[in-house]
Amino acid sequence: MNKATIFLLLFFVLAGCRNEPFVEHEIKMEKLSADCNKLNPYFRMVSNFGGERFEFERCLAIDYNKQDAKVSRQGDTVVVQLSTPASQKGLFKITLDIDSYPRYNFITIDGETFRVVPSY
């Protein structure tokens, strides 16, 4: 009885493991200003067991919708495309949470590439 229980428990634990490559993201946006001249070029990364969080500012269309963002995986790089052409732009603070398997070493945001060095 004990061996069967242990075997079933082990089976379900291993079957529940996600082994296929994936990239998942969540974007939070906060409009800071209608003036893109106040853009702060900082880029901040925070690592935790659930993935990485990136914080930065971008000048985007006033009516930009976070569903317009495209996030994909290319080798060991996560590629994020936020920019869309627009006549009226505003300054936004972007918080981007990325969870990906296998581990990635670089993130490219609108053509700008950063090295990812987790600190856990």
PDB file of N, CA and C in Angstrom:
ATOM      1  N   MET A   1       0.819  -1.194   0.000  1.00  0.00           N
ATOM      2  CA  MET A   1       0.000   0.000   0.000  1.00  0.00           C
ATOM      3  C   MET A   1       0.866   1.264   0.000  1.00  0.00           C
ATOM      4  N   ASN A   2       1.897   1.301   0.846  1.00  0.00           N
ATOM      5  CA  ASN A   2       2.769   2.465   0.914  1.00  0.00           C
ATOM      6  C   ASN A   2       3.508   2.695  -0.395  1.00  0.00           C
ATOM      7  N   LYS A   3       3.992   1.628  -1.021  1.00  0.00           N
ATOM      8  CA  LYS A   3       4.718   1.765  -2.283  1.00  0.00           C
ATOM      9  C   LYS A   3       3.803   2.305  -3.377  1.00  0.00           C
ATOM     10  N   ALA A   4       2.573   1.854  -3.414  1.00  0.00           N
ATOM     11  CA  ALA A   4       1.622   2.334  -4.422  1.00  0.00           C
ATOM     12  C   ALA A   4       1.317   3.814  -4.208  1.00  0.00           C
ATOM     13  N   THR A   5       1.159   4.226  -2.972  1.00  0.00           N
ATOM     14  CA  THR A   5       0.883   5.628  -2.667  1.00  0.00           C
ATOM     15  C   THR A   5       2.058   6.507  -3.059  1.00  0.00           C
ATOM     16  N   ILE A   6       3.255   6.081  -2.717  1.00  0.00           N
ATOM     17  CA  ILE A   6       4.455   6.846  -3.073  1.00  0.00           C
ATOM     18  C   ILE A   6       4.601   6.913  -4.584  1.00  0.00           C
ATOM     19  N   PHE A   7       4.376   5.795  -5.267  1.00  0.00           N
ATOM     20  CA  PHE A   7       4.478   5.771  -6.721  1.00  0.00           C
ATOM     21  C   PHE A   7       3.474   6.736  -7.357  1.00  0.00           C
ATOM     22  N   LEU A   8       2.226   6.714  -6.902  1.00  0.00           N
ATOM     23  CA  LEU A   8       1.207   7.610  -7.452  1.00  0.00           C
ATOM     24  C   LEU A   8       1.537   9.072  -7.168  1.00  0.00           C
ATOM     25  N   LEU A   9       1.994   9.361  -5.974  1.00  0.00           N
ATOM     26  CA  LEU A   9       2.372  10.723  -5.625  1.00  0.00           C
ATOM     27  C   LEU A   9       3.505  11.207  -6.512  1.00  0.00           C
ATOM     28  N   LEU A  10       4.523  10.381  -6.689  1.00  0.00           N
ATOM     29  CA  LEU A  10       5.648  10.728  -7.550  1.00  0.00           C
ATOM     30  C   LEU A  10       5.189  10.916  -8.995  1.00  0.00           C
ATOM     31  N   PHE A  11       4.309  10.063  -9.466  1.00  0.00           N
ATOM     32  CA  PHE A  11       3.791  10.167 -10.828  1.00  0.00           C
ATOM     33  C   PHE A  11       3.088  11.506 -11.043  1.00  0.00           C
ATOM     34  N   PHE A  12       2.213  11.896 -10.109  1.00  0.00           N
ATOM     35  CA  PHE A  12       1.470  13.139 -10.268  1.00  0.00           C
ATOM     36  C   PHE A  12       2.372  14.365 -10.153  1.00  0.00           C
ATOM     37  N   VAL A  13       3.371  14.303  -9.310  1.00  0.00           N
ATOM     38  CA  VAL A  13       4.313  15.419  -9.191  1.00  0.00           C
ATOM     39  C   VAL A  13       5.081  15.595 -10.495  1.00  0.00           C
ATOM     40  N   LEU A  14       5.585  14.506 -11.046  1.00  0.00           N
ATOM     41  CA  LEU A  14       6.344  14.587 -12.294  1.00  0.00           C
ATOM     42  C   LEU A  14       5.451  14.929 -13.480  1.00  0.00           C
ATOM     43  N   ALA A  15       4.242  14.433 -13.499  1.00  0.00           N
ATOM     44  CA  ALA A  15       3.318  14.728 -14.596  1.00  0.00           C
ATOM     45  C   ALA A  15       2.893  16.193 -14.572  1.00  0.00           C
ATOM     46  N   GLY A  16       2.912  16.793 -13.400  1.00  0.00           N
ATOM     47  CA  GLY A  16       2.514  18.187 -13.271  1.00  0.00           C
ATOM     48  C   GLY A  16       3.612  19.168 -13.624  1.00  0.00           C
ATOM     49  N   CYS A  17       4.820  18.683 -13.826  1.00  0.00           N
ATOM     50  CA  CYS A  17       5.929  19.569 -14.175  1.00  0.00           C
ATOM     51  C   CYS A  17       5.732  20.100 -15.588  1.00  0.00           C
ATOM     52  N   ARG A  18       6.003  21.362 -15.762  1.00  0.00           N
ATOM     53  CA  ARG A  18       5.865  21.997 -17.070  1.00  0.00           C
ATOM     54  C   ARG A  18       7.226  21.962 -17.743  1.00  0.00           C
ATOM     55  N   ASN A  19       7.386  21.118 -18.729  1.00  0.00           N
ATOM     56  CA  ASN A  19       8.677  20.950 -19.379  1.00  0.00           C
ATOM     57  C   ASN A  19       8.758  21.617 -20.742  1.00  0.00           C
ATOM     58  N   GLU A  20       7.657  22.044 -21.294  1.00  0.00           N
ATOM     59  CA  GLU A  20       7.658  22.690 -22.601  1.00  0.00           C
ATOM     60  C   GLU A  20       8.121  24.141 -22.450  1.00  0.00           C
ATOM     61  N   PRO A  21       8.890  24.658 -23.410  1.00  0.00           N
ATOM     62  CA  PRO A  21       9.300  26.067 -23.361  1.00  0.00           C
ATOM     63  C   PRO A  21       8.076  26.992 -23.389  1.00  0.00           C
ATOM     64  N   PHE A  22       8.144  28.074 -22.626  1.00  0.00           N
ATOM     65  CA  PHE A  22       7.051  29.043 -22.602  1.00  0.00           C
ATOM     66  C   PHE A  22       7.582  30.407 -22.201  1.00  0.00           C
ATOM     67  N   VAL A  23       6.832  31.429 -22.511  1.00  0.00           N
ATOM     68  CA  VAL A  23       7.082  32.780 -22.009  1.00  0.00           C
ATOM     69  C   VAL A  23       5.717  33.397 -21.701  1.00  0.00           C
ATOM     70  N   GLU A  24       5.566  33.853 -20.462  1.00  0.00           N
ATOM     71  CA  GLU A  24       4.334  34.494 -20.012  1.00  0.00           C
ATOM     72  C   GLU A  24       4.688  35.883 -19.505  1.00  0.00           C
ATOM     73  N   HIS A  25       3.781  36.824 -19.672  1.00  0.00           N
ATOM     74  CA  HIS A  25       4.060  38.190 -19.235  1.00  0.00           C
ATOM     75  C   HIS A  25       2.808  38.856 -18.685  1.00  0.00           C
ATOM     76  N   GLU A  26       3.056  39.868 -17.880  1.00  0.00           N
ATOM     77  CA  GLU A  26       1.994  40.731 -17.370  1.00  0.00           C
ATOM     78  C   GLU A  26       2.537  42.152 -17.390  1.00  0.00           C
ATOM     79  N   ILE A  27       1.756  43.064 -17.926  1.00  0.00           N
ATOM     80  CA  ILE A  27       2.193  44.455 -18.047  1.00  0.00           C
ATOM     81  C   ILE A  27       1.259  45.346 -17.237  1.00  0.00           C
ATOM     82  N   LYS A  28       1.878  46.241 -16.450  1.00  0.00           N
ATOM     83  CA  LYS A  28       1.127  47.276 -15.742  1.00  0.00           C
ATOM     84  C   LYS A  28       1.634  48.612 -16.268  1.00  0.00           C
ATOM     85  N   MET A  29       0.709  49.509 -16.565  1.00  0.00           N
ATOM     86  CA  MET A  29       1.082  50.808 -17.121  1.00  0.00           C
ATOM     87  C   MET A  29       0.493  51.922 -16.267  1.00  0.00           C
ATOM     88  N   GLU A  30       1.308  52.954 -16.061  1.00  0.00           N
ATOM     89  CA  GLU A  30       0.850  54.126 -15.315  1.00  0.00           C
ATOM     90  C   GLU A  30       1.240  55.362 -16.115  1.00  0.00           C
ATOM     91  N   LYS A  31       0.263  56.148 -16.517  1.00  0.00           N
ATOM     92  CA  LYS A  31       0.555  57.358 -17.282  1.00  0.00           C
ATOM     93  C   LYS A  31       1.130  58.407 -16.340  1.00  0.00           C
ATOM     94  N   LEU A  32       2.323  58.901 -16.689  1.00  0.00           N
ATOM     95  CA  LEU A  32       3.001  59.879 -15.845  1.00  0.00           C
ATOM     96  C   LEU A  32       2.773  61.302 -16.320  1.00  0.00           C
ATOM     97  N   SER A  33       2.782  61.491 -17.652  1.00  0.00           N
ATOM     98  CA  SER A  33       2.729  62.838 -18.184  1.00  0.00           C
ATOM     99  C   SER A  33       2.373  62.795 -19.668  1.00  0.00           C
ATOM    100  N   ALA A  34       1.928  63.921 -20.182  1.00  0.00           N
ATOM    101  CA  ALA A  34       1.697  64.039 -21.623  1.00  0.00           C
ATOM    102  C   ALA A  34       2.952  64.552 -22.311  1.00  0.00           C
ATOM    103  N   ASP A  35       3.977  64.843 -21.526  1.00  0.00           N
ATOM    104  CA  ASP A  35       5.224  65.410 -22.041  1.00  0.00           C
ATOM    105  C   ASP A  35       6.322  64.356 -22.035  1.00  0.00           C
ATOM    106  N   CYS A  36       6.730  63.911 -23.205  1.00  0.00           N
ATOM    107  CA  CYS A  36       7.774  62.881 -23.306  1.00  0.00           C
ATOM    108  C   CYS A  36       9.173  63.430 -23.038  1.00  0.00           C
ATOM    109  N   ASN A  37       9.312  64.740 -22.915  1.00  0.00           N
ATOM    110  CA  ASN A  37      10.627  65.323 -22.629  1.00  0.00           C
ATOM    111  C   ASN A  37      11.097  65.003 -21.213  1.00  0.00           C
ATOM    112  N   LYS A  38      10.193  64.555 -20.347  1.00  0.00           N
ATOM    113  CA  LYS A  38      10.551  64.228 -18.964  1.00  0.00           C
ATOM    114  C   LYS A  38      10.947  62.764 -18.803  1.00  0.00           C
ATOM    115  N   LEU A  39      11.198  62.075 -19.912  1.00  0.00           N
ATOM    116  CA  LEU A  39      11.548  60.653 -19.896  1.00  0.00           C
ATOM    117  C   LEU A  39      12.816  60.406 -19.085  1.00  0.00           C
ATOM    118  N   ASN A  40      12.725  59.522 -18.109  1.00  0.00           N
ATOM    119  CA  ASN A  40      13.870  59.112 -17.295  1.00  0.00           C
ATOM    120  C   ASN A  40      14.386  57.800 -17.893  1.00  0.00           C
ATOM    121  N   PRO A  41      15.659  57.721 -18.298  1.00  0.00           N
ATOM    122  CA  PRO A  41      16.152  56.532 -19.007  1.00  0.00           C
ATOM    123  C   PRO A  41      16.516  55.346 -18.111  1.00  0.00           C
ATOM    124  N   TYR A  42      16.056  55.324 -16.864  1.00  0.00           N
ATOM    125  CA  TYR A  42      16.423  54.226 -15.965  1.00  0.00           C
ATOM    126  C   TYR A  42      15.809  52.908 -16.431  1.00  0.00           C
ATOM    127  N   PHE A  43      16.435  51.808 -16.012  1.00  0.00           N
ATOM    128  CA  PHE A  43      15.933  50.460 -16.289  1.00  0.00           C
ATOM    129  C   PHE A  43      16.262  49.629 -15.073  1.00  0.00           C
ATOM    130  N   ARG A  44      15.239  49.085 -14.424  1.00  0.00           N
ATOM    131  CA  ARG A  44      15.439  48.353 -13.174  1.00  0.00           C
ATOM    132  C   ARG A  44      14.907  46.931 -13.308  1.00  0.00           C
ATOM    133  N   MET A  45      15.654  45.969 -12.757  1.00  0.00           N
ATOM    134  CA  MET A  45      15.228  44.579 -12.779  1.00  0.00           C
ATOM    135  C   MET A  45      15.234  44.016 -11.364  1.00  0.00           C
ATOM    136  N   VAL A  46      14.174  43.270 -11.024  1.00  0.00           N
ATOM    137  CA  VAL A  46      14.078  42.586  -9.735  1.00  0.00           C
ATOM    138  C   VAL A  46      13.794  41.119 -10.026  1.00  0.00           C
ATOM    139  N   SER A  47      14.608  40.216  -9.456  1.00  0.00           N
ATOM    140  CA  SER A  47      14.414  38.771  -9.660  1.00  0.00           C
ATOM    141  C   SER A  47      13.761  38.154  -8.440  1.00  0.00           C
ATOM    142  N   ASN A  48      12.911  37.168  -8.691  1.00  0.00           N
ATOM    143  CA  ASN A  48      12.364  36.352  -7.612  1.00  0.00           C
ATOM    144  C   ASN A  48      12.102  34.961  -8.164  1.00  0.00           C
ATOM    145  N   PHE A  49      11.570  34.078  -7.341  1.00  0.00           N
ATOM    146  CA  PHE A  49      11.392  32.691  -7.784  1.00  0.00           C
ATOM    147  C   PHE A  49      10.358  32.563  -8.903  1.00  0.00           C
ATOM    148  N   GLY A  50       9.495  33.550  -9.081  1.00  0.00           N
ATOM    149  CA  GLY A  50       8.451  33.487 -10.102  1.00  0.00           C
ATOM    150  C   GLY A  50       8.834  34.121 -11.420  1.00  0.00           C
ATOM    151  N   GLY A  51      10.046  34.634 -11.538  1.00  0.00           N
ATOM    152  CA  GLY A  51      10.472  35.286 -12.774  1.00  0.00           C
ATOM    153  C   GLY A  51      11.155  36.603 -12.475  1.00  0.00           C
ATOM    154  N   GLU A  52      11.164  37.479 -13.465  1.00  0.00           N
ATOM    155  CA  GLU A  52      11.799  38.783 -13.319  1.00  0.00           C
ATOM    156  C   GLU A  52      10.763  39.881 -13.520  1.00  0.00           C
ATOM    157  N   ARG A  53      11.006  41.006 -12.842  1.00  0.00           N
ATOM    158  CA  ARG A  53      10.190  42.206 -13.011  1.00  0.00           C
ATOM    159  C   ARG A  53      11.097  43.313 -13.521  1.00  0.00           C
ATOM    160  N   PHE A  54      10.643  43.976 -14.575  1.00  0.00           N
ATOM    161  CA  PHE A  54      11.386  45.080 -15.166  1.00  0.00           C
ATOM    162  C   PHE A  54      10.551  46.345 -15.028  1.00  0.00           C
ATOM    163  N   GLU A  55      11.210  47.443 -14.645  1.00  0.00           N
ATOM    164  CA  GLU A  55      10.536  48.734 -14.520  1.00  0.00           C
ATOM    165  C   GLU A  55      11.304  49.753 -15.335  1.00  0.00           C
ATOM    166  N   PHE A  56      10.578  50.509 -16.149  1.00  0.00           N
ATOM    167  CA  PHE A  56      11.207  51.512 -17.002  1.00  0.00           C
ATOM    168  C   PHE A  56      10.129  52.473 -17.491  1.00  0.00           C
ATOM    169  N   GLU A  57      10.557  53.561 -18.125  1.00  0.00           N
ATOM    170  CA  GLU A  57       9.626  54.533 -18.689  1.00  0.00           C
ATOM    171  C   GLU A  57       9.714  54.486 -20.205  1.00  0.00           C
ATOM    172  N   ARG A  58       8.573  54.691 -20.856  1.00  0.00           N
ATOM    173  CA  ARG A  58       8.515  54.706 -22.315  1.00  0.00           C
ATOM    174  C   ARG A  58       7.532  55.780 -22.767  1.00  0.00           C
ATOM    175  N   CYS A  59       7.819  56.343 -23.907  1.00  0.00           N
ATOM    176  CA  CYS A  59       6.931  57.284 -24.554  1.00  0.00           C
ATOM    177  C   CYS A  59       6.090  56.483 -25.555  1.00  0.00           C
ATOM    178  N   LEU A  60       4.792  56.390 -25.296  1.00  0.00           N
ATOM    179  CA  LEU A  60       3.889  55.577 -26.115  1.00  0.00           C
ATOM    180  C   LEU A  60       2.677  56.405 -26.527  1.00  0.00           C
ATOM    181  N   ALA A  61       1.881  55.848 -27.411  1.00  0.00           N
ATOM    182  CA  ALA A  61       0.651  56.515 -27.840  1.00  0.00           C
ATOM    183  C   ALA A  61      -0.250  56.758 -26.630  1.00  0.00           C
ATOM    184  N   ILE A  62      -0.929  57.897 -26.622  1.00  0.00           N
ATOM    185  CA  ILE A  62      -1.811  58.255 -25.506  1.00  0.00           C
ATOM    186  C   ILE A  62      -2.838  57.151 -25.240  1.00  0.00           C
ATOM    187  N   ASP A  63      -3.363  56.559 -26.299  1.00  0.00           N
ATOM    188  CA  ASP A  63      -4.397  55.527 -26.151  1.00  0.00           C
ATOM    189  C   ASP A  63      -3.807  54.116 -26.200  1.00  0.00           C
ATOM    190  N   TYR A  64      -2.534  53.972 -25.828  1.00  0.00           N
ATOM    191  CA  TYR A  64      -1.869  52.667 -25.893  1.00  0.00           C
ATOM    192  C   TYR A  64      -2.556  51.680 -24.956  1.00  0.00           C
ATOM    193  N   ASN A  65      -2.744  50.470 -25.465  1.00  0.00           N
ATOM    194  CA  ASN A  65      -3.389  49.413 -24.693  1.00  0.00           C
ATOM    195  C   ASN A  65      -2.357  48.322 -24.442  1.00  0.00           C
ATOM    196  N   LYS A  66      -2.272  47.819 -23.224  1.00  0.00           N
ATOM    197  CA  LYS A  66      -1.248  46.818 -22.913  1.00  0.00           C
ATOM    198  C   LYS A  66      -1.416  45.536 -23.712  1.00  0.00           C
ATOM    199  N   GLN A  67      -2.601  45.290 -24.282  1.00  0.00           N
ATOM    200  CA  GLN A  67      -2.790  44.118 -25.135  1.00  0.00           C
ATOM    201  C   GLN A  67      -2.074  44.276 -26.480  1.00  0.00           C
ATOM    202  N   ASP A  68      -1.642  45.502 -26.813  1.00  0.00           N
ATOM    203  CA  ASP A  68      -0.909  45.737 -28.061  1.00  0.00           C
ATOM    204  C   ASP A  68       0.544  45.272 -27.969  1.00  0.00           C
ATOM    205  N   ALA A  69       1.030  45.031 -26.773  1.00  0.00           N
ATOM    206  CA  ALA A  69       2.422  44.594 -26.589  1.00  0.00           C
ATOM    207  C   ALA A  69       2.590  43.176 -27.120  1.00  0.00           C
ATOM    208  N   LYS A  70       3.731  42.951 -27.756  1.00  0.00           N
ATOM    209  CA  LYS A  70       4.049  41.618 -28.274  1.00  0.00           C
ATOM    210  C   LYS A  70       5.276  41.098 -27.534  1.00  0.00           C
ATOM    211  N   VAL A  71       5.146  39.935 -26.915  1.00  0.00           N
ATOM    212  CA  VAL A  71       6.248  39.315 -26.180  1.00  0.00           C
ATOM    213  C   VAL A  71       6.469  37.936 -26.773  1.00  0.00           C
ATOM    214  N   SER A  72       7.724  37.659 -27.151  1.00  0.00           N
ATOM    215  CA  SER A  72       8.044  36.358 -27.744  1.00  0.00           C
ATOM    216  C   SER A  72       9.423  35.921 -27.284  1.00  0.00           C
ATOM    217  N   ARG A  73       9.753  34.711 -27.640  1.00  0.00           N
ATOM    218  CA  ARG A  73      11.035  34.119 -27.254  1.00  0.00           C
ATOM    219  C   ARG A  73      11.816  33.815 -28.521  1.00  0.00           C
ATOM    220  N   GLN A  74      13.087  34.245 -28.574  1.00  0.00           N
ATOM    221  CA  GLN A  74      13.973  33.933 -29.694  1.00  0.00           C
ATOM    222  C   GLN A  74      15.295  33.452 -29.111  1.00  0.00           C
ATOM    223  N   GLY A  75      15.481  32.136 -29.072  1.00  0.00           N
ATOM    224  CA  GLY A  75      16.689  31.575 -28.471  1.00  0.00           C
ATOM    225  C   GLY A  75      16.716  31.857 -26.984  1.00  0.00           C
ATOM    226  N   ASP A  76      17.814  32.476 -26.513  1.00  0.00           N
ATOM    227  CA  ASP A  76      17.910  32.810 -25.089  1.00  0.00           C
ATOM    228  C   ASP A  76      17.548  34.269 -24.825  1.00  0.00           C
ATOM    229  N   THR A  77      16.718  34.844 -25.710  1.00  0.00           N
ATOM    230  CA  THR A  77      16.302  36.236 -25.587  1.00  0.00           C
ATOM    231  C   THR A  77      14.783  36.333 -25.574  1.00  0.00           C
ATOM    232  N   VAL A  78      14.256  37.132 -24.648  1.00  0.00           N
ATOM    233  CA  VAL A  78      12.838  37.480 -24.660  1.00  0.00           C
ATOM    234  C   VAL A  78      12.735  38.821 -25.378  1.00  0.00           C
ATOM    235  N   VAL A  79      11.895  38.873 -26.409  1.00  0.00           N
ATOM    236  CA  VAL A  79      11.745  40.075 -27.224  1.00  0.00           C
ATOM    237  C   VAL A  79      10.397  40.717 -26.911  1.00  0.00           C
ATOM    238  N   VAL A  80      10.447  42.006 -26.531  1.00  0.00           N
ATOM    239  CA  VAL A  80       9.239  42.759 -26.190  1.00  0.00           C
ATOM    240  C   VAL A  80       9.117  43.921 -27.167  1.00  0.00           C
ATOM    241  N   GLN A  81       7.961  44.014 -27.821  1.00  0.00           N
ATOM    242  CA  GLN A  81       7.699  45.119 -28.740  1.00  0.00           C
ATOM    243  C   GLN A  81       6.543  45.937 -28.186  1.00  0.00           C
ATOM    244  N   LEU A  82       6.857  47.167 -27.785  1.00  0.00           N
ATOM    245  CA  LEU A  82       5.846  48.064 -27.232  1.00  0.00           C
ATOM    246  C   LEU A  82       5.479  49.177 -28.202  1.00  0.00           C
ATOM    247  N   SER A  83       6.449  49.665 -28.952  1.00  0.00           N
ATOM    248  CA  SER A  83       6.263  50.864 -29.762  1.00  0.00           C
ATOM    249  C   SER A  83       5.217  50.689 -30.849  1.00  0.00           C
ATOM    250  N   THR A  84       4.412  51.716 -30.986  1.00  0.00           N
ATOM    251  CA  THR A  84       3.474  51.820 -32.092  1.00  0.00           C
ATOM    252  C   THR A  84       3.518  53.262 -32.575  1.00  0.00           C
ATOM    253  N   PRO A  85       3.461  53.484 -33.880  1.00  0.00           N
ATOM    254  CA  PRO A  85       3.490  54.865 -34.362  1.00  0.00           C
ATOM    255  C   PRO A  85       2.237  55.620 -33.908  1.00  0.00           C
ATOM    256  N   ALA A  86       2.431  56.848 -33.484  1.00  0.00           N
ATOM    257  CA  ALA A  86       1.295  57.654 -33.027  1.00  0.00           C
ATOM    258  C   ALA A  86       1.638  59.128 -33.134  1.00  0.00           C
ATOM    259  N   SER A  87       0.613  59.934 -33.350  1.00  0.00           N
ATOM    260  CA  SER A  87       0.847  61.374 -33.422  1.00  0.00           C
ATOM    261  C   SER A  87       0.856  61.987 -32.025  1.00  0.00           C
ATOM    262  N   GLN A  88      -0.004  61.497 -31.138  1.00  0.00           N
ATOM    263  CA  GLN A  88      -0.036  61.998 -29.766  1.00  0.00           C
ATOM    264  C   GLN A  88       0.588  60.961 -28.852  1.00  0.00           C
ATOM    265  N   LYS A  89       1.613  61.388 -28.128  1.00  0.00           N
ATOM    266  CA  LYS A  89       2.310  60.457 -27.247  1.00  0.00           C
ATOM    267  C   LYS A  89       2.267  60.946 -25.813  1.00  0.00           C
ATOM    268  N   GLY A  90       2.410  59.990 -24.901  1.00  0.00           N
ATOM    269  CA  GLY A  90       2.454  60.297 -23.484  1.00  0.00           C
ATOM    270  C   GLY A  90       3.535  59.473 -22.811  1.00  0.00           C
ATOM    271  N   LEU A  91       3.952  59.911 -21.643  1.00  0.00           N
ATOM    272  CA  LEU A  91       4.995  59.227 -20.886  1.00  0.00           C
ATOM    273  C   LEU A  91       4.344  58.237 -19.920  1.00  0.00           C
ATOM    274  N   PHE A  92       4.789  56.981 -19.976  1.00  0.00           N
ATOM    275  CA  PHE A  92       4.234  55.916 -19.146  1.00  0.00           C
ATOM    276  C   PHE A  92       5.333  55.242 -18.340  1.00  0.00           C
ATOM    277  N   LYS A  93       4.995  54.856 -17.114  1.00  0.00           N
ATOM    278  CA  LYS A  93       5.860  53.969 -16.330  1.00  0.00           C
ATOM    279  C   LYS A  93       5.360  52.557 -16.606  1.00  0.00           C
ATOM    280  N   ILE A  94       6.260  51.687 -17.061  1.00  0.00           N
ATOM    281  CA  ILE A  94       5.919  50.315 -17.422  1.00  0.00           C
ATOM    282  C   ILE A  94       6.498  49.370 -16.375  1.00  0.00           C
ATOM    283  N   THR A  95       5.668  48.473 -15.880  1.00  0.00           N
ATOM    284  CA  THR A  95       6.113  47.376 -15.019  1.00  0.00           C
ATOM    285  C   THR A  95       5.804  46.095 -15.774  1.00  0.00           C
ATOM    286  N   LEU A  96       6.853  45.359 -16.111  1.00  0.00           N
ATOM    287  CA  LEU A  96       6.731  44.166 -16.945  1.00  0.00           C
ATOM    288  C   LEU A  96       7.212  42.953 -16.161  1.00  0.00           C
ATOM    289  N   ASP A  97       6.308  42.006 -15.920  1.00  0.00           N
ATOM    290  CA  ASP A  97       6.654  40.754 -15.246  1.00  0.00           C
ATOM    291  C   ASP A  97       6.796  39.668 -16.301  1.00  0.00           C
ATOM    292  N   ILE A  98       7.946  38.977 -16.293  1.00  0.00           N
ATOM    293  CA  ILE A  98       8.227  37.917 -17.262  1.00  0.00           C
ATOM    294  C   ILE A  98       8.481  36.616 -16.512  1.00  0.00           C
ATOM    295  N   ASP A  99       7.809  35.561 -16.945  1.00  0.00           N
ATOM    296  CA  ASP A  99       8.066  34.210 -16.455  1.00  0.00           C
ATOM    297  C   ASP A  99       8.324  33.361 -17.687  1.00  0.00           C
ATOM    298  N   SER A 100       9.472  32.696 -17.728  1.00  0.00           N
ATOM    299  CA  SER A 100       9.853  31.962 -18.929  1.00  0.00           C
ATOM    300  C   SER A 100      10.642  30.713 -18.581  1.00  0.00           C
ATOM    301  N   TYR A 101      10.450  29.680 -19.392  1.00  0.00           N
ATOM    302  CA  TYR A 101      11.236  28.455 -19.277  1.00  0.00           C
ATOM    303  C   TYR A 101      11.652  28.049 -20.676  1.00  0.00           C
ATOM    304  N   PRO A 102      12.881  27.690 -20.939  1.00  0.00           N
ATOM    305  CA  PRO A 102      14.012  27.710 -20.017  1.00  0.00           C
ATOM    306  C   PRO A 102      14.477  29.139 -19.745  1.00  0.00           C
ATOM    307  N   ARG A 103      15.448  29.242 -18.868  1.00  0.00           N
ATOM    308  CA  ARG A 103      15.969  30.547 -18.459  1.00  0.00           C
ATOM    309  C   ARG A 103      16.451  31.330 -19.675  1.00  0.00           C
ATOM    310  N   TYR A 104      16.253  32.619 -19.657  1.00  0.00           N
ATOM    311  CA  TYR A 104      16.739  33.479 -20.734  1.00  0.00           C
ATOM    312  C   TYR A 104      17.843  34.374 -20.193  1.00  0.00           C
ATOM    313  N   ASN A 105      18.750  34.798 -21.078  1.00  0.00           N
ATOM    314  CA  ASN A 105      19.905  35.596 -20.665  1.00  0.00           C
ATOM    315  C   ASN A 105      19.820  37.051 -21.101  1.00  0.00           C
ATOM    316  N   PHE A 106      18.924  37.345 -22.039  1.00  0.00           N
ATOM    317  CA  PHE A 106      18.802  38.703 -22.560  1.00  0.00           C
ATOM    318  C   PHE A 106      17.333  39.057 -22.716  1.00  0.00           C
ATOM    319  N   ILE A 107      17.048  40.356 -22.613  1.00  0.00           N
ATOM    320  CA  ILE A 107      15.720  40.863 -22.935  1.00  0.00           C
ATOM    321  C   ILE A 107      15.908  42.044 -23.879  1.00  0.00           C
ATOM    322  N   THR A 108      15.148  42.051 -24.958  1.00  0.00           N
ATOM    323  CA  THR A 108      15.192  43.135 -25.930  1.00  0.00           C
ATOM    324  C   THR A 108      13.850  43.847 -25.888  1.00  0.00           C
ATOM    325  N   ILE A 109      13.894  45.141 -25.577  1.00  0.00           N
ATOM    326  CA  ILE A 109      12.679  45.950 -25.499  1.00  0.00           C
ATOM    327  C   ILE A 109      12.781  47.048 -26.545  1.00  0.00           C
ATOM    328  N   ASP A 110      11.923  46.975 -27.548  1.00  0.00           N
ATOM    329  CA  ASP A 110      11.917  47.942 -28.654  1.00  0.00           C
ATOM    330  C   ASP A 110      13.306  48.124 -29.259  1.00  0.00           C
ATOM    331  N   GLY A 111      14.012  47.027 -29.476  1.00  0.00           N
ATOM    332  CA  GLY A 111      15.319  47.072 -30.129  1.00  0.00           C
ATOM    333  C   GLY A 111      16.494  47.315 -29.201  1.00  0.00           C
ATOM    334  N   GLU A 112      16.258  47.577 -27.938  1.00  0.00           N
ATOM    335  CA  GLU A 112      17.322  47.822 -26.959  1.00  0.00           C
ATOM    336  C   GLU A 112      17.506  46.558 -26.113  1.00  0.00           C
ATOM    337  N   THR A 113      18.717  45.979 -26.148  1.00  0.00           N
ATOM    338  CA  THR A 113      18.967  44.695 -25.491  1.00  0.00           C
ATOM    339  C   THR A 113      19.676  44.884 -24.155  1.00  0.00           C
ATOM    340  N   PHE A 114      19.213  44.137 -23.149  1.00  0.00           N
ATOM    341  CA  PHE A 114      19.789  44.159 -21.807  1.00  0.00           C
ATOM    342  C   PHE A 114      20.136  42.736 -21.400  1.00  0.00           C
ATOM    343  N   ARG A 115      21.241  42.574 -20.680  1.00  0.00           N
ATOM    344  CA  ARG A 115      21.622  41.262 -20.152  1.00  0.00           C
ATOM    345  C   ARG A 115      20.847  41.016 -18.863  1.00  0.00           C
ATOM    346  N   VAL A 116      20.343  39.806 -18.695  1.00  0.00           N
ATOM    347  CA  VAL A 116      19.568  39.438 -17.508  1.00  0.00           C
ATOM    348  C   VAL A 116      20.440  38.569 -16.615  1.00  0.00           C
ATOM    349  N   VAL A 117      20.722  39.063 -15.409  1.00  0.00           N
ATOM    350  CA  VAL A 117      21.520  38.317 -14.438  1.00  0.00           C
ATOM    351  C   VAL A 117      20.679  38.187 -13.173  1.00  0.00           C
ATOM    352  N   PRO A 118      19.984  37.049 -12.998  1.00  0.00           N
ATOM    353  CA  PRO A 118      19.140  36.875 -11.810  1.00  0.00           C
ATOM    354  C   PRO A 118      19.963  36.913 -10.524  1.00  0.00           C
ATOM    355  N   SER A 119      19.358  37.412  -9.455  1.00  0.00           N
ATOM    356  CA  SER A 119      20.076  37.541  -8.182  1.00  0.00           C
ATOM    357  C   SER A 119      19.442  36.696  -7.093  1.00  0.00           C
ATOM    358  N   TYR A 120      19.015  35.492  -7.421  1.00  0.00           N
ATOM    359  CA  TYR A 120      18.432  34.634  -6.386  1.00  0.00           C
ATOM    360  C   TYR A 120      19.331  33.531  -6.025  1.00  0.00           C
TER     361      TYR A 120
END
